[in-house]
Amino acid sequence: MTVDPERDSQEALASYMTSFDPRILALRGDQAQTDEVVRSFKAAARKVPTKGGGYTMDHNAIVYTMNADGTFVGSLDSHEAEEIQLQKLRRLIAD
């Protein structure tokens, strides 16, 4: 899900997603919808100005895991050891 709908057009997301498995979907809404989703997932996103008048986005990079009913189960953090992430995924699949 983009946290920057101003810059991440549908076309830009479609191009970006060609680097991933086609089963992974990119999500995009307007700014109000994006702000609501960021709040509801207790995530963070903020625009950070760069030299020259541009900006970058400072944001969480978390994979949220959900069960088959769509209920939040947990998360995978890129800073966790791979084995921890695999244990979490194995538990999710087993349940």
PDB file of N, CA and C in Angstrom:
ATOM      1  N   MET A   1       0.842  -1.168   0.000  1.00  0.00           N
ATOM      2  CA  MET A   1       0.000   0.000   0.000  1.00  0.00           C
ATOM      3  C   MET A   1       0.889   1.233   0.000  1.00  0.00           C
ATOM      4  N   THR A   2       0.614   2.118  -0.913  1.00  0.00           N
ATOM      5  CA  THR A   2       1.400   3.344  -0.931  1.00  0.00           C
ATOM      6  C   THR A   2       0.942   4.277   0.191  1.00  0.00           C
ATOM      7  N   VAL A   3       1.893   4.999   0.751  1.00  0.00           N
ATOM      8  CA  VAL A   3       1.555   6.054   1.707  1.00  0.00           C
ATOM      9  C   VAL A   3       1.738   7.420   1.049  1.00  0.00           C
ATOM     10  N   ASP A   4       1.947   7.408  -0.265  1.00  0.00           N
ATOM     11  CA  ASP A   4       2.166   8.648  -1.011  1.00  0.00           C
ATOM     12  C   ASP A   4       1.323   8.675  -2.289  1.00  0.00           C
ATOM     13  N   PRO A   5      -0.007   8.769  -2.145  1.00  0.00           N
ATOM     14  CA  PRO A   5      -0.848   8.757  -3.344  1.00  0.00           C
ATOM     15  C   PRO A   5      -0.638   9.968  -4.249  1.00  0.00           C
ATOM     16  N   GLU A   6      -0.059  11.028  -3.704  1.00  0.00           N
ATOM     17  CA  GLU A   6       0.228  12.215  -4.519  1.00  0.00           C
ATOM     18  C   GLU A   6       1.224  11.880  -5.629  1.00  0.00           C
ATOM     19  N   ARG A   7       2.221  11.105  -5.306  1.00  0.00           N
ATOM     20  CA  ARG A   7       3.273  10.786  -6.266  1.00  0.00           C
ATOM     21  C   ARG A   7       3.080   9.404  -6.912  1.00  0.00           C
ATOM     22  N   ASP A   8       2.521   8.464  -6.147  1.00  0.00           N
ATOM     23  CA  ASP A   8       2.380   7.093  -6.634  1.00  0.00           C
ATOM     24  C   ASP A   8       1.056   6.911  -7.371  1.00  0.00           C
ATOM     25  N   SER A   9       1.073   7.279  -8.628  1.00  0.00           N
ATOM     26  CA  SER A   9      -0.122   7.116  -9.458  1.00  0.00           C
ATOM     27  C   SER A   9      -0.383   5.629  -9.685  1.00  0.00           C
ATOM     28  N   GLN A  10      -1.560   5.328 -10.191  1.00  0.00           N
ATOM     29  CA  GLN A  10      -1.888   3.937 -10.511  1.00  0.00           C
ATOM     30  C   GLN A  10      -0.884   3.370 -11.517  1.00  0.00           C
ATOM     31  N   GLU A  11      -0.494   4.178 -12.482  1.00  0.00           N
ATOM     32  CA  GLU A  11       0.466   3.748 -13.494  1.00  0.00           C
ATOM     33  C   GLU A  11       1.837   3.480 -12.875  1.00  0.00           C
ATOM     34  N   ALA A  12       2.281   4.360 -11.965  1.00  0.00           N
ATOM     35  CA  ALA A  12       3.579   4.172 -11.308  1.00  0.00           C
ATOM     36  C   ALA A  12       3.575   2.902 -10.468  1.00  0.00           C
ATOM     37  N   LEU A  13       2.475   2.652  -9.752  1.00  0.00           N
ATOM     38  CA  LEU A  13       2.383   1.429  -8.950  1.00  0.00           C
ATOM     39  C   LEU A  13       2.388   0.193  -9.832  1.00  0.00           C
ATOM     40  N   ALA A  14       1.672   0.238 -10.933  1.00  0.00           N
ATOM     41  CA  ALA A  14       1.628  -0.907 -11.843  1.00  0.00           C
ATOM     42  C   ALA A  14       3.033  -1.230 -12.349  1.00  0.00           C
ATOM     43  N   SER A  15       3.800  -0.223 -12.694  1.00  0.00           N
ATOM     44  CA  SER A  15       5.169  -0.433 -13.151  1.00  0.00           C
ATOM     45  C   SER A  15       6.037  -0.998 -12.026  1.00  0.00           C
ATOM     46  N   TYR A  16       5.926  -0.442 -10.840  1.00  0.00           N
ATOM     47  CA  TYR A  16       6.701  -0.896  -9.676  1.00  0.00           C
ATOM     48  C   TYR A  16       6.399  -2.353  -9.357  1.00  0.00           C
ATOM     49  N   MET A  17       5.145  -2.747  -9.458  1.00  0.00           N
ATOM     50  CA  MET A  17       4.733  -4.086  -9.054  1.00  0.00           C
ATOM     51  C   MET A  17       5.196  -5.173 -10.017  1.00  0.00           C
ATOM     52  N   THR A  18       5.715  -4.814 -11.182  1.00  0.00           N
ATOM     53  CA  THR A  18       6.229  -5.838 -12.094  1.00  0.00           C
ATOM     54  C   THR A  18       7.452  -6.550 -11.506  1.00  0.00           C
ATOM     55  N   SER A  19       8.031  -5.991 -10.445  1.00  0.00           N
ATOM     56  CA  SER A  19       9.182  -6.606  -9.789  1.00  0.00           C
ATOM     57  C   SER A  19       8.782  -7.686  -8.784  1.00  0.00           C
ATOM     58  N   PHE A  20       7.473  -7.865  -8.554  1.00  0.00           N
ATOM     59  CA  PHE A  20       6.989  -8.767  -7.520  1.00  0.00           C
ATOM     60  C   PHE A  20       6.112  -9.865  -8.112  1.00  0.00           C
ATOM     61  N   ASP A  21       5.850 -10.865  -7.321  1.00  0.00           N
ATOM     62  CA  ASP A  21       4.939 -11.938  -7.713  1.00  0.00           C
ATOM     63  C   ASP A  21       3.589 -11.324  -8.078  1.00  0.00           C
ATOM     64  N   PRO A  22       2.961 -11.756  -9.172  1.00  0.00           N
ATOM     65  CA  PRO A  22       1.698 -11.142  -9.609  1.00  0.00           C
ATOM     66  C   PRO A  22       0.536 -11.321  -8.624  1.00  0.00           C
ATOM     67  N   ARG A  23       0.687 -12.201  -7.637  1.00  0.00           N
ATOM     68  CA  ARG A  23      -0.369 -12.360  -6.626  1.00  0.00           C
ATOM     69  C   ARG A  23      -0.363 -11.234  -5.603  1.00  0.00           C
ATOM     70  N   ILE A  24       0.706 -10.448  -5.583  1.00  0.00           N
ATOM     71  CA  ILE A  24       0.803  -9.327  -4.651  1.00  0.00           C
ATOM     72  C   ILE A  24       0.153  -8.119  -5.301  1.00  0.00           C
ATOM     73  N   LEU A  25      -0.759  -7.508  -4.571  1.00  0.00           N
ATOM     74  CA  LEU A  25      -1.509  -6.364  -5.090  1.00  0.00           C
ATOM     75  C   LEU A  25      -0.982  -5.060  -4.506  1.00  0.00           C
ATOM     76  N   ALA A  26      -0.961  -4.033  -5.304  1.00  0.00           N
ATOM     77  CA  ALA A  26      -0.642  -2.689  -4.833  1.00  0.00           C
ATOM     78  C   ALA A  26      -1.960  -1.976  -4.558  1.00  0.00           C
ATOM     79  N   LEU A  27      -2.023  -1.309  -3.427  1.00  0.00           N
ATOM     80  CA  LEU A  27      -3.233  -0.580  -3.058  1.00  0.00           C
ATOM     81  C   LEU A  27      -2.945   0.907  -3.028  1.00  0.00           C
ATOM     82  N   ARG A  28      -3.954   1.673  -3.441  1.00  0.00           N
ATOM     83  CA  ARG A  28      -3.823   3.127  -3.490  1.00  0.00           C
ATOM     84  C   ARG A  28      -5.183   3.744  -3.263  1.00  0.00           C
ATOM     85  N   GLY A  29      -5.234   4.772  -2.455  1.00  0.00           N
ATOM     86  CA  GLY A  29      -6.462   5.533  -2.252  1.00  0.00           C
ATOM     87  C   GLY A  29      -6.134   7.010  -2.323  1.00  0.00           C
ATOM     88  N   ASP A  30      -7.128   7.831  -2.051  1.00  0.00           N
ATOM     89  CA  ASP A  30      -6.840   9.265  -1.989  1.00  0.00           C
ATOM     90  C   ASP A  30      -6.149   9.555  -0.652  1.00  0.00           C
ATOM     91  N   GLN A  31      -5.765  10.794  -0.419  1.00  0.00           N
ATOM     92  CA  GLN A  31      -4.996  11.120   0.780  1.00  0.00           C
ATOM     93  C   GLN A  31      -5.786  10.845   2.052  1.00  0.00           C
ATOM     94  N   ALA A  32      -7.069  11.162   2.075  1.00  0.00           N
ATOM     95  CA  ALA A  32      -7.885  10.919   3.269  1.00  0.00           C
ATOM     96  C   ALA A  32      -7.985   9.420   3.567  1.00  0.00           C
ATOM     97  N   GLN A  33      -8.185   8.623   2.548  1.00  0.00           N
ATOM     98  CA  GLN A  33      -8.255   7.170   2.736  1.00  0.00           C
ATOM     99  C   GLN A  33      -6.912   6.631   3.218  1.00  0.00           C
ATOM    100  N   THR A  34      -5.836   7.124   2.640  1.00  0.00           N
ATOM    101  CA  THR A  34      -4.494   6.689   3.032  1.00  0.00           C
ATOM    102  C   THR A  34      -4.227   7.038   4.488  1.00  0.00           C
ATOM    103  N   ASP A  35      -4.561   8.256   4.891  1.00  0.00           N
ATOM    104  CA  ASP A  35      -4.358   8.672   6.280  1.00  0.00           C
ATOM    105  C   ASP A  35      -5.144   7.784   7.238  1.00  0.00           C
ATOM    106  N   GLU A  36      -6.361   7.423   6.872  1.00  0.00           N
ATOM    107  CA  GLU A  36      -7.198   6.570   7.718  1.00  0.00           C
ATOM    108  C   GLU A  36      -6.592   5.173   7.855  1.00  0.00           C
ATOM    109  N   VAL A  37      -6.105   4.614   6.768  1.00  0.00           N
ATOM    110  CA  VAL A  37      -5.501   3.278   6.826  1.00  0.00           C
ATOM    111  C   VAL A  37      -4.224   3.314   7.660  1.00  0.00           C
ATOM    112  N   VAL A  38      -3.401   4.324   7.475  1.00  0.00           N
ATOM    113  CA  VAL A  38      -2.177   4.459   8.269  1.00  0.00           C
ATOM    114  C   VAL A  38      -2.537   4.498   9.755  1.00  0.00           C
ATOM    115  N   ARG A  39      -3.543   5.286  10.124  1.00  0.00           N
ATOM    116  CA  ARG A  39      -3.982   5.351  11.532  1.00  0.00           C
ATOM    117  C   ARG A  39      -4.506   4.008  12.018  1.00  0.00           C
ATOM    118  N   SER A  40      -5.345   3.361  11.214  1.00  0.00           N
ATOM    119  CA  SER A  40      -5.972   2.117  11.659  1.00  0.00           C
ATOM    120  C   SER A  40      -4.963   0.986  11.834  1.00  0.00           C
ATOM    121  N   PHE A  41      -3.863   1.023  11.089  1.00  0.00           N
ATOM    122  CA  PHE A  41      -2.822   0.012  11.250  1.00  0.00           C
ATOM    123  C   PHE A  41      -1.755   0.449  12.257  1.00  0.00           C
ATOM    124  N   LYS A  42      -1.992   1.588  12.904  1.00  0.00           N
ATOM    125  CA  LYS A  42      -1.031   2.135  13.869  1.00  0.00           C
ATOM    126  C   LYS A  42       0.368   2.237  13.254  1.00  0.00           C
ATOM    127  N   ALA A  43       0.389   2.668  12.017  1.00  0.00           N
ATOM    128  CA  ALA A  43       1.638   2.851  11.280  1.00  0.00           C
ATOM    129  C   ALA A  43       2.021   4.330  11.312  1.00  0.00           C
ATOM    130  N   ALA A  44       3.074   4.644  10.621  1.00  0.00           N
ATOM    131  CA  ALA A  44       3.535   6.031  10.551  1.00  0.00           C
ATOM    132  C   ALA A  44       3.979   6.332   9.126  1.00  0.00           C
ATOM    133  N   ALA A  45       3.717   7.545   8.698  1.00  0.00           N
ATOM    134  CA  ALA A  45       4.171   8.011   7.391  1.00  0.00           C
ATOM    135  C   ALA A  45       4.246   9.528   7.442  1.00  0.00           C
ATOM    136  N   ARG A  46       5.356  10.059   6.973  1.00  0.00           N
ATOM    137  CA  ARG A  46       5.478  11.515   6.929  1.00  0.00           C
ATOM    138  C   ARG A  46       6.356  11.927   5.766  1.00  0.00           C
ATOM    139  N   LYS A  47       6.004  13.056   5.194  1.00  0.00           N
ATOM    140  CA  LYS A  47       6.754  13.628   4.076  1.00  0.00           C
ATOM    141  C   LYS A  47       7.966  14.361   4.649  1.00  0.00           C
ATOM    142  N   VAL A  48       9.137  14.078   4.075  1.00  0.00           N
ATOM    143  CA  VAL A  48      10.381  14.696   4.530  1.00  0.00           C
ATOM    144  C   VAL A  48      10.980  15.470   3.360  1.00  0.00           C
ATOM    145  N   PRO A  49      11.055  16.796   3.492  1.00  0.00           N
ATOM    146  CA  PRO A  49      11.619  17.603   2.407  1.00  0.00           C
ATOM    147  C   PRO A  49      13.088  17.246   2.149  1.00  0.00           C
ATOM    148  N   THR A  50      13.483  17.322   0.885  1.00  0.00           N
ATOM    149  CA  THR A  50      14.877  17.107   0.505  1.00  0.00           C
ATOM    150  C   THR A  50      15.412  18.379  -0.136  1.00  0.00           C
ATOM    151  N   LYS A  51      16.713  18.456  -0.245  1.00  0.00           N
ATOM    152  CA  LYS A  51      17.322  19.614  -0.910  1.00  0.00           C
ATOM    153  C   LYS A  51      16.819  19.678  -2.337  1.00  0.00           C
ATOM    154  N   GLY A  52      16.586  20.849  -2.823  1.00  0.00           N
ATOM    155  CA  GLY A  52      16.125  21.020  -4.196  1.00  0.00           C
ATOM    156  C   GLY A  52      14.612  21.077  -4.314  1.00  0.00           C
ATOM    157  N   GLY A  53      13.905  21.020  -3.188  1.00  0.00           N
ATOM    158  CA  GLY A  53      12.456  21.173  -3.220  1.00  0.00           C
ATOM    159  C   GLY A  53      11.665  19.880  -3.343  1.00  0.00           C
ATOM    160  N   GLY A  54      12.319  18.759  -3.456  1.00  0.00           N
ATOM    161  CA  GLY A  54      11.608  17.488  -3.526  1.00  0.00           C
ATOM    162  C   GLY A  54      11.277  16.970  -2.142  1.00  0.00           C
ATOM    163  N   TYR A  55      10.919  15.712  -2.075  1.00  0.00           N
ATOM    164  CA  TYR A  55      10.648  15.094  -0.781  1.00  0.00           C
ATOM    165  C   TYR A  55      10.800  13.587  -0.896  1.00  0.00           C
ATOM    166  N   THR A  56      10.939  12.979   0.253  1.00  0.00           N
ATOM    167  CA  THR A  56      10.915  11.530   0.369  1.00  0.00           C
ATOM    168  C   THR A  56       9.880  11.193   1.442  1.00  0.00           C
ATOM    169  N   MET A  57       9.507   9.932   1.517  1.00  0.00           N
ATOM    170  CA  MET A  57       8.535   9.521   2.526  1.00  0.00           C
ATOM    171  C   MET A  57       9.235   8.646   3.564  1.00  0.00           C
ATOM    172  N   ASP A  58       9.088   9.036   4.816  1.00  0.00           N
ATOM    173  CA  ASP A  58       9.577   8.240   5.935  1.00  0.00           C
ATOM    174  C   ASP A  58       8.373   7.421   6.402  1.00  0.00           C
ATOM    175  N   HIS A  59       8.499   6.093   6.411  1.00  0.00           N
ATOM    176  CA  HIS A  59       7.350   5.254   6.759  1.00  0.00           C
ATOM    177  C   HIS A  59       7.780   3.891   7.270  1.00  0.00           C
ATOM    178  N   ASN A  60       6.855   3.213   7.930  1.00  0.00           N
ATOM    179  CA  ASN A  60       7.087   1.842   8.366  1.00  0.00           C
ATOM    180  C   ASN A  60       7.225   0.951   7.146  1.00  0.00           C
ATOM    181  N   ALA A  61       7.923  -0.141   7.327  1.00  0.00           N
ATOM    182  CA  ALA A  61       8.010  -1.168   6.283  1.00  0.00           C
ATOM    183  C   ALA A  61       7.715  -2.500   6.967  1.00  0.00           C
ATOM    184  N   ILE A  62       6.452  -2.751   7.198  1.00  0.00           N
ATOM    185  CA  ILE A  62       6.011  -3.926   7.938  1.00  0.00           C
ATOM    186  C   ILE A  62       5.097  -4.752   7.049  1.00  0.00           C
ATOM    187  N   VAL A  63       5.242  -6.070   7.157  1.00  0.00           N
ATOM    188  CA  VAL A  63       4.303  -6.974   6.510  1.00  0.00           C
ATOM    189  C   VAL A  63       3.323  -7.418   7.582  1.00  0.00           C
ATOM    190  N   TYR A  64       2.058  -7.097   7.396  1.00  0.00           N
ATOM    191  CA  TYR A  64       1.012  -7.507   8.326  1.00  0.00           C
ATOM    192  C   TYR A  64       0.502  -8.875   7.899  1.00  0.00           C
ATOM    193  N   THR A  65       0.411  -9.804   8.827  1.00  0.00           N
ATOM    194  CA  THR A  65      -0.107 -11.127   8.501  1.00  0.00           C
ATOM    195  C   THR A  65      -1.548 -11.227   8.994  1.00  0.00           C
ATOM    196  N   MET A  66      -2.381 -11.784   8.133  1.00  0.00           N
ATOM    197  CA  MET A  66      -3.806 -11.937   8.417  1.00  0.00           C
ATOM    198  C   MET A  66      -4.184 -13.396   8.218  1.00  0.00           C
ATOM    199  N   ASN A  67      -5.184 -13.861   8.968  1.00  0.00           N
ATOM    200  CA  ASN A  67      -5.630 -15.236   8.744  1.00  0.00           C
ATOM    201  C   ASN A  67      -6.632 -15.260   7.594  1.00  0.00           C
ATOM    202  N   ALA A  68      -7.165 -16.437   7.313  1.00  0.00           N
ATOM    203  CA  ALA A  68      -8.075 -16.590   6.169  1.00  0.00           C
ATOM    204  C   ALA A  68      -9.339 -15.754   6.320  1.00  0.00           C
ATOM    205  N   ASP A  69      -9.704 -15.403   7.558  1.00  0.00           N
ATOM    206  CA  ASP A  69     -10.891 -14.574   7.804  1.00  0.00           C
ATOM    207  C   ASP A  69     -10.598 -13.085   7.686  1.00  0.00           C
ATOM    208  N   GLY A  70      -9.328 -12.739   7.453  1.00  0.00           N
ATOM    209  CA  GLY A  70      -8.947 -11.340   7.347  1.00  0.00           C
ATOM    210  C   GLY A  70      -8.651 -10.689   8.685  1.00  0.00           C
ATOM    211  N   THR A  71      -8.508 -11.496   9.733  1.00  0.00           N
ATOM    212  CA  THR A  71      -8.200 -10.982  11.061  1.00  0.00           C
ATOM    213  C   THR A  71      -6.687 -10.832  11.214  1.00  0.00           C
ATOM    214  N   PHE A  72      -6.274  -9.718  11.788  1.00  0.00           N
ATOM    215  CA  PHE A  72      -4.858  -9.464  12.025  1.00  0.00           C
ATOM    216  C   PHE A  72      -4.292 -10.547  12.938  1.00  0.00           C
ATOM    217  N   VAL A  73      -3.158 -11.123  12.542  1.00  0.00           N
ATOM    218  CA  VAL A  73      -2.492 -12.162  13.324  1.00  0.00           C
ATOM    219  C   VAL A  73      -1.182 -11.641  13.908  1.00  0.00           C
ATOM    220  N   GLY A  74      -0.437 -10.910  13.127  1.00  0.00           N
ATOM    221  CA  GLY A  74       0.852 -10.406  13.590  1.00  0.00           C
ATOM    222  C   GLY A  74       1.541  -9.644  12.482  1.00  0.00           C
ATOM    223  N   SER A  75       2.831  -9.502  12.620  1.00  0.00           N
ATOM    224  CA  SER A  75       3.587  -8.766  11.612  1.00  0.00           C
ATOM    225  C   SER A  75       4.977  -9.352  11.464  1.00  0.00           C
ATOM    226  N   LEU A  76       5.560  -9.051  10.320  1.00  0.00           N
ATOM    227  CA  LEU A  76       6.942  -9.409  10.034  1.00  0.00           C
ATOM    228  C   LEU A  76       7.709  -8.106   9.872  1.00  0.00           C
ATOM    229  N   ASP A  77       8.762  -7.974  10.616  1.00  0.00           N
ATOM    230  CA  ASP A  77       9.574  -6.769  10.557  1.00  0.00           C
ATOM    231  C   ASP A  77      10.876  -7.091   9.832  1.00  0.00           C
ATOM    232  N   SER A  78      11.297  -6.218   8.962  1.00  0.00           N
ATOM    233  CA  SER A  78      12.516  -6.466   8.186  1.00  0.00           C
ATOM    234  C   SER A  78      13.764  -6.564   9.060  1.00  0.00           C
ATOM    235  N   HIS A  79      13.661  -6.117  10.304  1.00  0.00           N
ATOM    236  CA  HIS A  79      14.813  -6.183  11.204  1.00  0.00           C
ATOM    237  C   HIS A  79      14.875  -7.504  11.974  1.00  0.00           C
ATOM    238  N   GLU A  80      13.820  -8.322  11.876  1.00  0.00           N
ATOM    239  CA  GLU A  80      13.814  -9.616  12.551  1.00  0.00           C
ATOM    240  C   GLU A  80      14.690 -10.608  11.796  1.00  0.00           C
ATOM    241  N   ALA A  81      15.213 -11.569  12.523  1.00  0.00           N
ATOM    242  CA  ALA A  81      15.968 -12.646  11.889  1.00  0.00           C
ATOM    243  C   ALA A  81      15.036 -13.444  10.986  1.00  0.00           C
ATOM    244  N   GLU A  82      15.582 -13.949   9.898  1.00  0.00           N
ATOM    245  CA  GLU A  82      14.787 -14.728   8.944  1.00  0.00           C
ATOM    246  C   GLU A  82      14.107 -15.910   9.628  1.00  0.00           C
ATOM    247  N   GLU A  83      14.792 -16.568  10.529  1.00  0.00           N
ATOM    248  CA  GLU A  83      14.212 -17.733  11.213  1.00  0.00           C
ATOM    249  C   GLU A  83      12.981 -17.338  12.038  1.00  0.00           C
ATOM    250  N   ILE A  84      13.009 -16.186  12.653  1.00  0.00           N
ATOM    251  CA  ILE A  84      11.838 -15.699  13.413  1.00  0.00           C
ATOM    252  C   ILE A  84      10.667 -15.480  12.461  1.00  0.00           C
ATOM    253  N   GLN A  85      10.938 -14.863  11.336  1.00  0.00           N
ATOM    254  CA  GLN A  85       9.876 -14.637  10.352  1.00  0.00           C
ATOM    255  C   GLN A  85       9.316 -15.963   9.854  1.00  0.00           C
ATOM    256  N   LEU A  86      10.181 -16.932   9.583  1.00  0.00           N
ATOM    257  CA  LEU A  86       9.713 -18.234   9.121  1.00  0.00           C
ATOM    258  C   LEU A  86       8.865 -18.933  10.186  1.00  0.00           C
ATOM    259  N   GLN A  87       9.259 -18.830  11.445  1.00  0.00           N
ATOM    260  CA  GLN A  87       8.470 -19.421  12.534  1.00  0.00           C
ATOM    261  C   GLN A  87       7.068 -18.811  12.569  1.00  0.00           C
ATOM    262  N   LYS A  88       6.997 -17.500  12.427  1.00  0.00           N
ATOM    263  CA  LYS A  88       5.695 -16.818  12.429  1.00  0.00           C
ATOM    264  C   LYS A  88       4.836 -17.286  11.256  1.00  0.00           C
ATOM    265  N   LEU A  89       5.440 -17.403  10.092  1.00  0.00           N
ATOM    266  CA  LEU A  89       4.683 -17.844   8.907  1.00  0.00           C
ATOM    267  C   LEU A  89       4.248 -19.292   9.035  1.00  0.00           C
ATOM    268  N   ARG A  90       5.102 -20.137   9.592  1.00  0.00           N
ATOM    269  CA  ARG A  90       4.718 -21.536   9.795  1.00  0.00           C
ATOM    270  C   ARG A  90       3.525 -21.653  10.752  1.00  0.00           C
ATOM    271  N   ARG A  91       3.534 -20.839  11.830  1.00  0.00           N
ATOM    272  CA  ARG A  91       2.394 -20.841  12.774  1.00  0.00           C
ATOM    273  C   ARG A  91       1.124 -20.376  12.086  1.00  0.00           C
ATOM    274  N   LEU A  92       1.243 -19.363  11.251  1.00  0.00           N
ATOM    275  CA  LEU A  92       0.095 -18.836  10.537  1.00  0.00           C
ATOM    276  C   LEU A  92      -0.494 -19.903   9.615  1.00  0.00           C
ATOM    277  N   ILE A  93       0.364 -20.604   8.886  1.00  0.00           N
ATOM    278  CA  ILE A  93      -0.087 -21.647   7.962  1.00  0.00           C
ATOM    279  C   ILE A  93      -0.702 -22.818   8.738  1.00  0.00           C
ATOM    280  N   ALA A  94      -0.103 -23.170   9.862  1.00  0.00           N
ATOM    281  CA  ALA A  94      -0.601 -24.292  10.665  1.00  0.00           C
ATOM    282  C   ALA A  94      -1.978 -24.016  11.247  1.00  0.00           C
ATOM    283  N   ASP A  95      -2.234 -22.761  11.566  1.00  0.00           N
ATOM    284  CA  ASP A  95      -3.543 -22.400  12.145  1.00  0.00           C
ATOM    285  C   ASP A  95      -4.586 -22.360  11.061  1.00  0.00           C
TER     286      ASP A  95
END
